Amino acid sequence: MNKRFRRELSDWSVILFGVLLVSFGLDFLMIPNKIVAGGFSGLATISYHLFGLPVGTVMLLLNIAVFALGYRMLGKRFAIRSIVSSVLLSVFVDAIALVMHGFGISSLTDDIFLASIYGGLACGVGIGLILAKNSSTGGTDVIAQIINHKTGYNTGKLLVAIDIAITVLAALVFGPRIAMYGIITVAVTGTVVDLVIGGRKTARFVVVITDKPDRITRRILAELNRGATLLEGTGAYTGNKRKLIICIVRRRQVMLLRRIVEEEDPNAFLTFTQASEVLGRGFYPLAEAKSS
């Protein structure tokens, strides 16, 4: 068993465990309590309670449409992993729902507050593990990337706008009280995802040593909406001239940057350092820092 195969096996084992955790959170906690936490799972939950459509099937159909539009811009390796992960999630969600129905199980708890907290916890850990292995479950984050690619609009703001729209729809369908529990789940999920993939710190200071700086820098500017600085470097042992890319990214962009570098230059050297405080354009304005 070679090293690459062991690494792939390890990655897919983690992804599979992450998918199972997300499926557990949805089926046992969120869906039966009508908790909508944004994304395609939220839209599928609404359609399930309105029309009785299987949640996993609706998620799969939505993801097929999205991946068909965004496959080329996502990168082959990431796109393939994400497609497989989203299919597995859809299958597991519907399969677990069938098993629950067969055994007469509706939910682990009827307490909506507990369901929103623990559902967000399970989904956050699961999604974090999936993202950490250069994959995703598709959904609205891919839509945001497609719009960003076409228009240049900030991906983070797009995601927030989409989740707000889905939350408003949930409020119209289930009432504002249920929608507010969904907001709690969104907050818990986002916090846990951040902890799993990047820790507590606000941002990462990144140095990339590469022979393909132009292609990597171009994608950092376009896909992450982050600036970058290029420096000249000389290898102490080889004496070869190489470019250094320096940039600051938010913790949730760490895996996206890793994917970009891996796709453009697998031989690059990449290091991340925790940044305890970042002030300036794109993060926290200096004027606000002074006033606080």
C-alpha atoms as a PDB file:
ATOM      1  CA  MET A   1       0.000   0.000   0.000  1.00  0.00           C
ATOM      2  CA  ASN A   2       1.739   3.189  -1.179  1.00  0.00           C
ATOM      3  CA  LYS A   3       1.764   6.492   0.640  1.00  0.00           C
ATOM      4  CA  ARG A   4      -0.619   8.250  -1.756  1.00  0.00           C
ATOM      5  CA  PHE A   5      -3.205   5.475  -1.483  1.00  0.00           C
ATOM      6  CA  ARG A   6      -3.012   5.544   2.324  1.00  0.00           C
ATOM      7  CA  ARG A   7      -3.510   9.299   2.279  1.00  0.00           C
ATOM      8  CA  GLU A   8      -6.544   9.007  -0.013  1.00  0.00           C
ATOM      9  CA  LEU A   9      -7.989   6.247   2.172  1.00  0.00           C
ATOM     10  CA  SER A  10      -7.471   8.381   5.272  1.00  0.00           C
ATOM     11  CA  ASP A  11      -9.054  11.431   3.624  1.00  0.00           C
ATOM     12  CA  TRP A  12     -12.133   9.515   2.486  1.00  0.00           C
ATOM     13  CA  SER A  13     -12.531   7.886   5.891  1.00  0.00           C
ATOM     14  CA  VAL A  14     -12.663  11.352   7.475  1.00  0.00           C
ATOM     15  CA  ILE A  15     -15.027  12.628   4.777  1.00  0.00           C
ATOM     16  CA  LEU A  16     -17.336   9.633   5.284  1.00  0.00           C
ATOM     17  CA  PHE A  17     -17.390  10.206   9.043  1.00  0.00           C
ATOM     18  CA  GLY A  18     -18.149  13.889   8.470  1.00  0.00           C
ATOM     19  CA  VAL A  19     -21.014  13.030   6.112  1.00  0.00           C
ATOM     20  CA  LEU A  20     -22.456  10.636   8.701  1.00  0.00           C
ATOM     21  CA  LEU A  21     -22.327  13.343  11.386  1.00  0.00           C
ATOM     22  CA  VAL A  22     -24.132  15.849   9.164  1.00  0.00           C
ATOM     23  CA  SER A  23     -26.748  13.214   8.258  1.00  0.00           C
ATOM     24  CA  PHE A  24     -27.234  12.429  11.947  1.00  0.00           C
ATOM     25  CA  GLY A  25     -27.713  16.096  12.840  1.00  0.00           C
ATOM     26  CA  LEU A  26     -30.223  16.626  10.060  1.00  0.00           C
ATOM     27  CA  ASP A  27     -32.303  13.458  10.471  1.00  0.00           C
ATOM     28  CA  PHE A  28     -32.377  13.070  14.244  1.00  0.00           C
ATOM     29  CA  LEU A  29     -32.502  16.717  15.299  1.00  0.00           C
ATOM     30  CA  MET A  30     -33.060  19.421  12.696  1.00  0.00           C
ATOM     31  CA  ILE A  31     -35.492  18.084  10.091  1.00  0.00           C
ATOM     32  CA  PRO A  32     -38.136  16.690  12.510  1.00  0.00           C
ATOM     33  CA  ASN A  33     -38.063  19.968  14.474  1.00  0.00           C
ATOM     34  CA  LYS A  34     -38.361  22.096  11.289  1.00  0.00           C
ATOM     35  CA  ILE A  35     -35.030  23.800  11.985  1.00  0.00           C
ATOM     36  CA  VAL A  36     -33.795  25.572   8.857  1.00  0.00           C
ATOM     37  CA  ALA A  37     -30.143  26.589   9.043  1.00  0.00           C
ATOM     38  CA  GLY A  38     -29.683  27.934   5.543  1.00  0.00           C
ATOM     39  CA  GLY A  39     -28.195  26.066   2.602  1.00  0.00           C
ATOM     40  CA  PHE A  40     -29.765  23.384   0.445  1.00  0.00           C
ATOM     41  CA  SER A  41     -30.598  21.307   3.524  1.00  0.00           C
ATOM     42  CA  GLY A  42     -32.741  24.215   4.713  1.00  0.00           C
ATOM     43  CA  LEU A  43     -34.575  24.464   1.386  1.00  0.00           C
ATOM     44  CA  ALA A  44     -35.023  20.678   1.372  1.00  0.00           C
ATOM     45  CA  THR A  45     -36.394  20.749   4.931  1.00  0.00           C
ATOM     46  CA  ILE A  46     -38.972  23.344   3.901  1.00  0.00           C
ATOM     47  CA  SER A  47     -40.007  21.289   0.845  1.00  0.00           C
ATOM     48  CA  TYR A  48     -40.263  18.155   3.026  1.00  0.00           C
ATOM     49  CA  HIS A  49     -42.689  19.725   5.483  1.00  0.00           C
ATOM     50  CA  LEU A  50     -44.696  21.471   2.749  1.00  0.00           C
ATOM     51  CA  PHE A  51     -44.875  18.767   0.090  1.00  0.00           C
ATOM     52  CA  GLY A  52     -43.484  15.587   1.700  1.00  0.00           C
ATOM     53  CA  LEU A  53     -40.495  15.435  -0.682  1.00  0.00           C
ATOM     54  CA  PRO A  54     -37.477  13.422   0.595  1.00  0.00           C
ATOM     55  CA  VAL A  55     -34.839  15.788   1.948  1.00  0.00           C
ATOM     56  CA  GLY A  56     -31.863  13.920   0.506  1.00  0.00           C
ATOM     57  CA  THR A  57     -33.397  13.699  -2.954  1.00  0.00           C
ATOM     58  CA  VAL A  58     -34.145  17.431  -3.065  1.00  0.00           C
ATOM     59  CA  MET A  59     -30.603  18.235  -1.900  1.00  0.00           C
ATOM     60  CA  LEU A  60     -29.190  15.970  -4.614  1.00  0.00           C
ATOM     61  CA  LEU A  61     -31.252  17.566  -7.383  1.00  0.00           C
ATOM     62  CA  LEU A  62     -30.229  21.061  -6.286  1.00  0.00           C
ATOM     63  CA  ASN A  63     -26.578  20.047  -6.104  1.00  0.00           C
ATOM     64  CA  ILE A  64     -26.664  18.452  -9.561  1.00  0.00           C
ATOM     65  CA  ALA A  65     -27.799  21.767 -11.018  1.00  0.00           C
ATOM     66  CA  VAL A  66     -25.144  23.720  -9.126  1.00  0.00           C
ATOM     67  CA  PHE A  67     -22.245  21.402  -9.938  1.00  0.00           C
ATOM     68  CA  ALA A  68     -23.270  21.352 -13.596  1.00  0.00           C
ATOM     69  CA  LEU A  69     -22.837  25.130 -13.645  1.00  0.00           C
ATOM     70  CA  GLY A  70     -19.717  25.367 -11.500  1.00  0.00           C
ATOM     71  CA  TYR A  71     -17.711  22.194 -12.211  1.00  0.00           C
ATOM     72  CA  ARG A  72     -15.019  23.844 -14.342  1.00  0.00           C
ATOM     73  CA  MET A  73     -14.327  26.726 -11.970  1.00  0.00           C
ATOM     74  CA  LEU A  74     -14.059  24.518  -8.858  1.00  0.00           C
ATOM     75  CA  GLY A  75     -11.031  22.520  -9.940  1.00  0.00           C
ATOM     76  CA  LYS A  76     -11.187  18.851 -10.914  1.00  0.00           C
ATOM     77  CA  ARG A  77     -10.030  17.262  -7.649  1.00  0.00           C
ATOM     78  CA  PHE A  78     -12.151  19.464  -5.387  1.00  0.00           C
ATOM     79  CA  ALA A  79     -15.189  19.143  -7.664  1.00  0.00           C
ATOM     80  CA  ILE A  80     -14.989  15.335  -7.782  1.00  0.00           C
ATOM     81  CA  ARG A  81     -14.618  15.063  -4.008  1.00  0.00           C
ATOM     82  CA  SER A  82     -17.482  17.489  -3.464  1.00  0.00           C
ATOM     83  CA  ILE A  83     -19.790  15.684  -5.888  1.00  0.00           C
ATOM     84  CA  VAL A  84     -19.113  12.343  -4.188  1.00  0.00           C
ATOM     85  CA  SER A  85     -19.581  13.905  -0.731  1.00  0.00           C
ATOM     86  CA  SER A  86     -22.879  15.546  -1.689  1.00  0.00           C
ATOM     87  CA  VAL A  87     -24.195  12.309  -3.222  1.00  0.00           C
ATOM     88  CA  LEU A  88     -23.213  10.352  -0.100  1.00  0.00           C
ATOM     89  CA  LEU A  89     -24.904  12.938   2.117  1.00  0.00           C
ATOM     90  CA  SER A  90     -28.128  12.786   0.114  1.00  0.00           C
ATOM     91  CA  VAL A  91     -28.157   8.981   0.166  1.00  0.00           C
ATOM     92  CA  PHE A  92     -27.431   8.798   3.906  1.00  0.00           C
ATOM     93  CA  VAL A  93     -30.050  11.416   4.796  1.00  0.00           C
ATOM     94  CA  ASP A  94     -32.812   9.533   2.963  1.00  0.00           C
ATOM     95  CA  ALA A  95     -31.586   6.096   4.104  1.00  0.00           C
ATOM     96  CA  ILE A  96     -31.449   7.107   7.766  1.00  0.00           C
ATOM     97  CA  ALA A  97     -34.905   8.695   7.466  1.00  0.00           C
ATOM     98  CA  LEU A  98     -36.289   5.399   6.127  1.00  0.00           C
ATOM     99  CA  VAL A  99     -34.710   3.435   8.988  1.00  0.00           C
ATOM    100  CA  MET A 100     -36.076   5.922  11.531  1.00  0.00           C
ATOM    101  CA  HIS A 101     -39.537   5.636   9.998  1.00  0.00           C
ATOM    102  CA  GLY A 102     -39.331   1.838  10.082  1.00  0.00           C
ATOM    103  CA  PHE A 103     -38.498   1.842  13.791  1.00  0.00           C
ATOM    104  CA  GLY A 104     -41.038   4.553  14.593  1.00  0.00           C
ATOM    105  CA  ILE A 105     -38.370   7.114  15.598  1.00  0.00           C
ATOM    106  CA  SER A 106     -39.239  10.742  14.957  1.00  0.00           C
ATOM    107  CA  SER A 107     -36.499  12.698  16.733  1.00  0.00           C
ATOM    108  CA  LEU A 108     -33.994  12.439  19.551  1.00  0.00           C
ATOM    109  CA  THR A 109     -35.692  15.343  21.311  1.00  0.00           C
ATOM    110  CA  ASP A 110     -38.788  17.503  20.985  1.00  0.00           C
ATOM    111  CA  ASP A 111     -36.977  20.390  22.674  1.00  0.00           C
ATOM    112  CA  ILE A 112     -36.297  22.740  19.750  1.00  0.00           C
ATOM    113  CA  PHE A 113     -33.576  24.612  21.626  1.00  0.00           C
ATOM    114  CA  LEU A 114     -31.617  21.417  22.330  1.00  0.00           C
ATOM    115  CA  ALA A 115     -32.162  20.287  18.730  1.00  0.00           C
ATOM    116  CA  SER A 116     -30.828  23.597  17.379  1.00  0.00           C
ATOM    117  CA  ILE A 117     -27.718  23.443  19.592  1.00  0.00           C
ATOM    118  CA  TYR A 118     -26.813  19.791  19.121  1.00  0.00           C
ATOM    119  CA  GLY A 119     -27.902  19.748  15.486  1.00  0.00           C
ATOM    120  CA  GLY A 120     -25.573  22.672  14.828  1.00  0.00           C
ATOM    121  CA  LEU A 121     -22.804  20.928  16.763  1.00  0.00           C
ATOM    122  CA  ALA A 122     -23.097  17.681  14.769  1.00  0.00           C
ATOM    123  CA  CYS A 123     -23.327  19.478  11.431  1.00  0.00           C
ATOM    124  CA  GLY A 124     -20.492  21.857  12.324  1.00  0.00           C
ATOM    125  CA  VAL A 125     -18.061  19.064  13.197  1.00  0.00           C
ATOM    126  CA  GLY A 126     -19.118  17.079  10.126  1.00  0.00           C
ATOM    127  CA  ILE A 127     -18.815  19.977   7.687  1.00  0.00           C
ATOM    128  CA  GLY A 128     -15.505  21.024   9.250  1.00  0.00           C
ATOM    129  CA  LEU A 129     -14.051  17.539   8.741  1.00  0.00           C
ATOM    130  CA  ILE A 130     -15.263  17.470   5.137  1.00  0.00           C
ATOM    131  CA  LEU A 131     -13.809  20.914   4.375  1.00  0.00           C
ATOM    132  CA  ALA A 132     -10.519  19.967   6.050  1.00  0.00           C
ATOM    133  CA  LYS A 133     -10.108  17.177   3.487  1.00  0.00           C
ATOM    134  CA  ASN A 134     -10.492  19.445   0.452  1.00  0.00           C
ATOM    135  CA  SER A 135     -14.142  18.597  -0.141  1.00  0.00           C
ATOM    136  CA  SER A 136     -17.577  20.069   0.482  1.00  0.00           C
ATOM    137  CA  THR A 137     -21.216  19.064   0.471  1.00  0.00           C
ATOM    138  CA  GLY A 138     -22.022  21.485  -2.327  1.00  0.00           C
ATOM    139  CA  GLY A 139     -24.922  23.778  -1.629  1.00  0.00           C
ATOM    140  CA  THR A 140     -25.054  27.532  -1.419  1.00  0.00           C
ATOM    141  CA  ASP A 141     -21.302  27.968  -0.963  1.00  0.00           C
ATOM    142  CA  VAL A 142     -20.825  26.728  -4.536  1.00  0.00           C
ATOM    143  CA  ILE A 143     -23.503  29.163  -5.734  1.00  0.00           C
ATOM    144  CA  ALA A 144     -21.619  31.961  -3.976  1.00  0.00           C
ATOM    145  CA  GLN A 145     -18.361  30.912  -5.658  1.00  0.00           C
ATOM    146  CA  ILE A 146     -20.038  30.859  -9.077  1.00  0.00           C
ATOM    147  CA  ILE A 147     -21.488  34.354  -8.589  1.00  0.00           C
ATOM    148  CA  ASN A 148     -18.114  35.550  -7.298  1.00  0.00           C
ATOM    149  CA  HIS A 149     -16.415  34.093 -10.365  1.00  0.00           C
ATOM    150  CA  LYS A 150     -18.865  35.834 -12.714  1.00  0.00           C
ATOM    151  CA  THR A 151     -19.262  39.164 -10.939  1.00  0.00           C
ATOM    152  CA  GLY A 152     -16.372  39.514  -8.493  1.00  0.00           C
ATOM    153  CA  TYR A 153     -18.780  40.109  -5.591  1.00  0.00           C
ATOM    154  CA  ASN A 154     -17.491  39.080  -2.152  1.00  0.00           C
ATOM    155  CA  THR A 155     -18.137  35.365  -1.478  1.00  0.00           C
ATOM    156  CA  GLY A 156     -18.667  35.797   2.268  1.00  0.00           C
ATOM    157  CA  LYS A 157     -21.296  38.494   1.783  1.00  0.00           C
ATOM    158  CA  LEU A 158     -23.034  36.379  -0.829  1.00  0.00           C
ATOM    159  CA  LEU A 159     -23.243  33.433   1.558  1.00  0.00           C
ATOM    160  CA  VAL A 160     -24.705  35.627   4.287  1.00  0.00           C
ATOM    161  CA  ALA A 161     -27.256  37.073   1.854  1.00  0.00           C
ATOM    162  CA  ILE A 162     -28.329  33.614   0.662  1.00  0.00           C
ATOM    163  CA  ASP A 163     -28.670  32.278   4.214  1.00  0.00           C
ATOM    164  CA  ILE A 164     -30.699  35.340   5.218  1.00  0.00           C
ATOM    165  CA  ALA A 165     -33.046  34.775   2.272  1.00  0.00           C
ATOM    166  CA  ILE A 166     -33.553  31.120   3.254  1.00  0.00           C
ATOM    167  CA  THR A 167     -34.133  32.126   6.896  1.00  0.00           C
ATOM    168  CA  VAL A 168     -36.767  34.664   5.810  1.00  0.00           C
ATOM    169  CA  LEU A 169     -38.461  31.938   3.759  1.00  0.00           C
ATOM    170  CA  ALA A 170     -38.440  29.649   6.822  1.00  0.00           C
ATOM    171  CA  ALA A 171     -40.009  32.416   8.896  1.00  0.00           C
ATOM    172  CA  LEU A 172     -42.793  32.799   6.330  1.00  0.00           C
ATOM    173  CA  VAL A 173     -43.445  29.035   6.232  1.00  0.00           C
ATOM    174  CA  PHE A 174     -42.909  27.944   9.860  1.00  0.00           C
ATOM    175  CA  GLY A 175     -43.216  31.234  11.732  1.00  0.00           C
ATOM    176  CA  PRO A 176     -40.586  33.582  13.202  1.00  0.00           C
ATOM    177  CA  ARG A 177     -40.062  31.526  16.382  1.00  0.00           C
ATOM    178  CA  ILE A 178     -38.826  28.462  14.462  1.00  0.00           C
ATOM    179  CA  ALA A 179     -36.718  30.689  12.204  1.00  0.00           C
ATOM    180  CA  MET A 180     -34.954  32.178  15.223  1.00  0.00           C
ATOM    181  CA  TYR A 181     -33.930  28.713  16.364  1.00  0.00           C
ATOM    182  CA  GLY A 182     -32.524  28.214  12.886  1.00  0.00           C
ATOM    183  CA  ILE A 183     -30.352  31.304  13.367  1.00  0.00           C
ATOM    184  CA  ILE A 184     -28.985  29.744  16.572  1.00  0.00           C
ATOM    185  CA  THR A 185     -28.086  26.620  14.600  1.00  0.00           C
ATOM    186  CA  VAL A 186     -26.361  28.694  11.907  1.00  0.00           C
ATOM    187  CA  ALA A 187     -24.269  30.410  14.593  1.00  0.00           C
ATOM    188  CA  VAL A 188     -23.345  27.139  16.308  1.00  0.00           C
ATOM    189  CA  THR A 189     -22.509  25.416  13.016  1.00  0.00           C
ATOM    190  CA  GLY A 190     -20.338  28.288  11.799  1.00  0.00           C
ATOM    191  CA  THR A 191     -18.450  28.535  15.085  1.00  0.00           C
ATOM    192  CA  VAL A 192     -17.771  24.788  15.218  1.00  0.00           C
ATOM    193  CA  VAL A 193     -16.681  24.669  11.559  1.00  0.00           C
ATOM    194  CA  ASP A 194     -14.199  27.463  12.259  1.00  0.00           C
ATOM    195  CA  LEU A 195     -12.805  25.607  15.261  1.00  0.00           C
ATOM    196  CA  VAL A 196     -12.429  22.358  13.320  1.00  0.00           C
ATOM    197  CA  ILE A 197     -10.688  23.818  10.261  1.00  0.00           C
ATOM    198  CA  GLY A 198      -8.854  26.777  11.680  1.00  0.00           C
ATOM    199  CA  GLY A 199      -8.963  27.253  15.426  1.00  0.00           C
ATOM    200  CA  ARG A 200     -10.054  30.337  17.314  1.00  0.00           C
ATOM    201  CA  LYS A 201      -7.812  32.954  15.758  1.00  0.00           C
ATOM    202  CA  THR A 202      -9.222  35.623  13.504  1.00  0.00           C
ATOM    203  CA  ALA A 203      -6.964  35.159  10.495  1.00  0.00           C
ATOM    204  CA  ARG A 204      -3.934  33.394   9.040  1.00  0.00           C
ATOM    205  CA  PHE A 205      -0.682  34.897   7.820  1.00  0.00           C
ATOM    206  CA  VAL A 206       0.301  32.843   4.781  1.00  0.00           C
ATOM    207  CA  VAL A 207       3.596  32.435   2.951  1.00  0.00           C
ATOM    208  CA  VAL A 208       3.703  30.506  -0.327  1.00  0.00           C
ATOM    209  CA  ILE A 209       7.029  29.697  -2.005  1.00  0.00           C
ATOM    210  CA  THR A 210       6.304  28.696  -5.584  1.00  0.00           C
ATOM    211  CA  ASP A 211       7.494  28.610  -9.171  1.00  0.00           C
ATOM    212  CA  LYS A 212       4.020  29.644 -10.384  1.00  0.00           C
ATOM    213  CA  PRO A 213       3.282  32.861  -8.479  1.00  0.00           C
ATOM    214  CA  ASP A 214       1.241  34.565 -11.177  1.00  0.00           C
ATOM    215  CA  ARG A 215      -1.378  31.834 -11.471  1.00  0.00           C
ATOM    216  CA  ILE A 216      -1.717  31.404  -7.706  1.00  0.00           C
ATOM    217  CA  THR A 217      -1.887  35.153  -7.053  1.00  0.00           C
ATOM    218  CA  ARG A 218      -4.500  35.621  -9.765  1.00  0.00           C
ATOM    219  CA  ARG A 219      -6.754  33.014  -8.138  1.00  0.00           C
ATOM    220  CA  ILE A 220      -6.209  34.480  -4.639  1.00  0.00           C
ATOM    221  CA  LEU A 221      -7.410  37.848  -5.917  1.00  0.00           C
ATOM    222  CA  ALA A 222     -10.364  36.425  -7.872  1.00  0.00           C
ATOM    223  CA  GLU A 223     -11.616  33.567  -5.698  1.00  0.00           C
ATOM    224  CA  LEU A 224     -10.716  34.679  -2.176  1.00  0.00           C
ATOM    225  CA  ASN A 225     -11.052  38.421  -2.758  1.00  0.00           C
ATOM    226  CA  ARG A 226      -7.784  38.918  -0.877  1.00  0.00           C
ATOM    227  CA  GLY A 227      -4.720  40.981  -1.676  1.00  0.00           C
ATOM    228  CA  ALA A 228      -1.226  39.526  -1.871  1.00  0.00           C
ATOM    229  CA  THR A 229       2.382  40.707  -1.878  1.00  0.00           C
ATOM    230  CA  LEU A 230       5.138  39.193  -4.038  1.00  0.00           C
ATOM    231  CA  LEU A 231       8.724  39.047  -2.799  1.00  0.00           C
ATOM    232  CA  GLU A 232      11.933  37.739  -4.344  1.00  0.00           C
ATOM    233  CA  GLY A 233      13.615  34.874  -2.517  1.00  0.00           C
ATOM    234  CA  THR A 234      16.795  32.861  -2.921  1.00  0.00           C
ATOM    235  CA  GLY A 235      17.166  29.279  -1.732  1.00  0.00           C
ATOM    236  CA  ALA A 236      20.049  29.060   0.750  1.00  0.00           C
ATOM    237  CA  TYR A 237      21.038  25.550  -0.399  1.00  0.00           C
ATOM    238  CA  THR A 238      20.285  25.644  -4.133  1.00  0.00           C
ATOM    239  CA  GLY A 239      20.784  29.351  -4.795  1.00  0.00           C
ATOM    240  CA  ASN A 240      17.682  29.263  -7.017  1.00  0.00           C
ATOM    241  CA  LYS A 241      15.502  32.352  -7.333  1.00  0.00           C
ATOM    242  CA  ARG A 242      11.873  31.826  -6.295  1.00  0.00           C
ATOM    243  CA  LYS A 243       8.855  33.996  -5.652  1.00  0.00           C
ATOM    244  CA  LEU A 244       7.255  34.331  -2.229  1.00  0.00           C
ATOM    245  CA  ILE A 245       3.558  35.148  -1.978  1.00  0.00           C
ATOM    246  CA  ILE A 246       2.465  36.731   1.286  1.00  0.00           C
ATOM    247  CA  CYS A 247      -1.190  37.243   2.144  1.00  0.00           C
ATOM    248  CA  ILE A 248      -3.663  37.299   5.012  1.00  0.00           C
ATOM    249  CA  VAL A 249      -6.817  35.166   4.804  1.00  0.00           C
ATOM    250  CA  ARG A 250      -9.745  34.566   7.076  1.00  0.00           C
ATOM    251  CA  ARG A 251      -9.779  31.206   8.859  1.00  0.00           C
ATOM    252  CA  ARG A 252     -12.598  29.855   6.698  1.00  0.00           C
ATOM    253  CA  GLN A 253     -10.539  30.585   3.572  1.00  0.00           C
ATOM    254  CA  VAL A 254      -7.600  28.431   4.671  1.00  0.00           C
ATOM    255  CA  MET A 255      -8.797  25.276   2.928  1.00  0.00           C
ATOM    256  CA  LEU A 256      -9.694  27.189  -0.233  1.00  0.00           C
ATOM    257  CA  LEU A 257      -6.179  28.619  -0.389  1.00  0.00           C
ATOM    258  CA  ARG A 258      -4.658  25.179   0.175  1.00  0.00           C
ATOM    259  CA  ARG A 259      -6.736  23.861  -2.693  1.00  0.00           C
ATOM    260  CA  ILE A 260      -5.621  26.665  -5.025  1.00  0.00           C
ATOM    261  CA  VAL A 261      -1.941  26.105  -4.263  1.00  0.00           C
ATOM    262  CA  GLU A 262      -2.244  22.322  -4.563  1.00  0.00           C
ATOM    263  CA  GLU A 263      -3.947  22.605  -7.955  1.00  0.00           C
ATOM    264  CA  GLU A 264      -1.555  25.181  -9.410  1.00  0.00           C
ATOM    265  CA  ASP A 265       1.770  23.998  -7.954  1.00  0.00           C
ATOM    266  CA  PRO A 266       1.874  20.684  -6.057  1.00  0.00           C
ATOM    267  CA  ASN A 267       5.592  21.297  -5.351  1.00  0.00           C
ATOM    268  CA  ALA A 268       4.992  24.626  -3.623  1.00  0.00           C
ATOM    269  CA  PHE A 269       5.950  25.267   0.001  1.00  0.00           C
ATOM    270  CA  LEU A 270       3.058  26.607   2.067  1.00  0.00           C
ATOM    271  CA  THR A 271       3.029  27.787   5.666  1.00  0.00           C
ATOM    272  CA  PHE A 272       0.283  29.278   7.854  1.00  0.00           C
ATOM    273  CA  THR A 273       0.814  31.357  10.985  1.00  0.00           C
ATOM    274  CA  GLN A 274      -1.901  32.481  13.377  1.00  0.00           C
ATOM    275  CA  ALA A 275      -2.508  36.231  13.294  1.00  0.00           C
ATOM    276  CA  SER A 276      -3.788  37.442  16.649  1.00  0.00           C
ATOM    277  CA  GLU A 277      -4.994  40.763  15.234  1.00  0.00           C
ATOM    278  CA  VAL A 278      -5.389  42.078  11.684  1.00  0.00           C
ATOM    279  CA  LEU A 279      -6.163  45.733  10.992  1.00  0.00           C
ATOM    280  CA  GLY A 280      -6.710  47.311   7.597  1.00  0.00           C
ATOM    281  CA  ARG A 281      -8.713  46.979   4.425  1.00  0.00           C
ATOM    282  CA  GLY A 282     -10.748  43.796   4.183  1.00  0.00           C
ATOM    283  CA  PHE A 283     -10.573  43.059   7.918  1.00  0.00           C
ATOM    284  CA  TYR A 284     -11.010  45.658  10.664  1.00  0.00           C
ATOM    285  CA  PRO A 285     -10.526  49.321   9.696  1.00  0.00           C
ATOM    286  CA  LEU A 286      -7.797  51.184  11.565  1.00  0.00           C
ATOM    287  CA  ALA A 287     -10.234  53.972  12.466  1.00  0.00           C
ATOM    288  CA  GLU A 288     -12.526  51.496  14.274  1.00  0.00           C
ATOM    289  CA  ALA A 289      -9.560  49.975  16.114  1.00  0.00           C
ATOM    290  CA  LYS A 290      -8.476  53.410  17.374  1.00  0.00           C
ATOM    291  CA  SER A 291     -11.959  54.339  18.532  1.00  0.00           C
ATOM    292  CA  SER A 292     -12.359  51.100  20.455  1.00  0.00           C
END
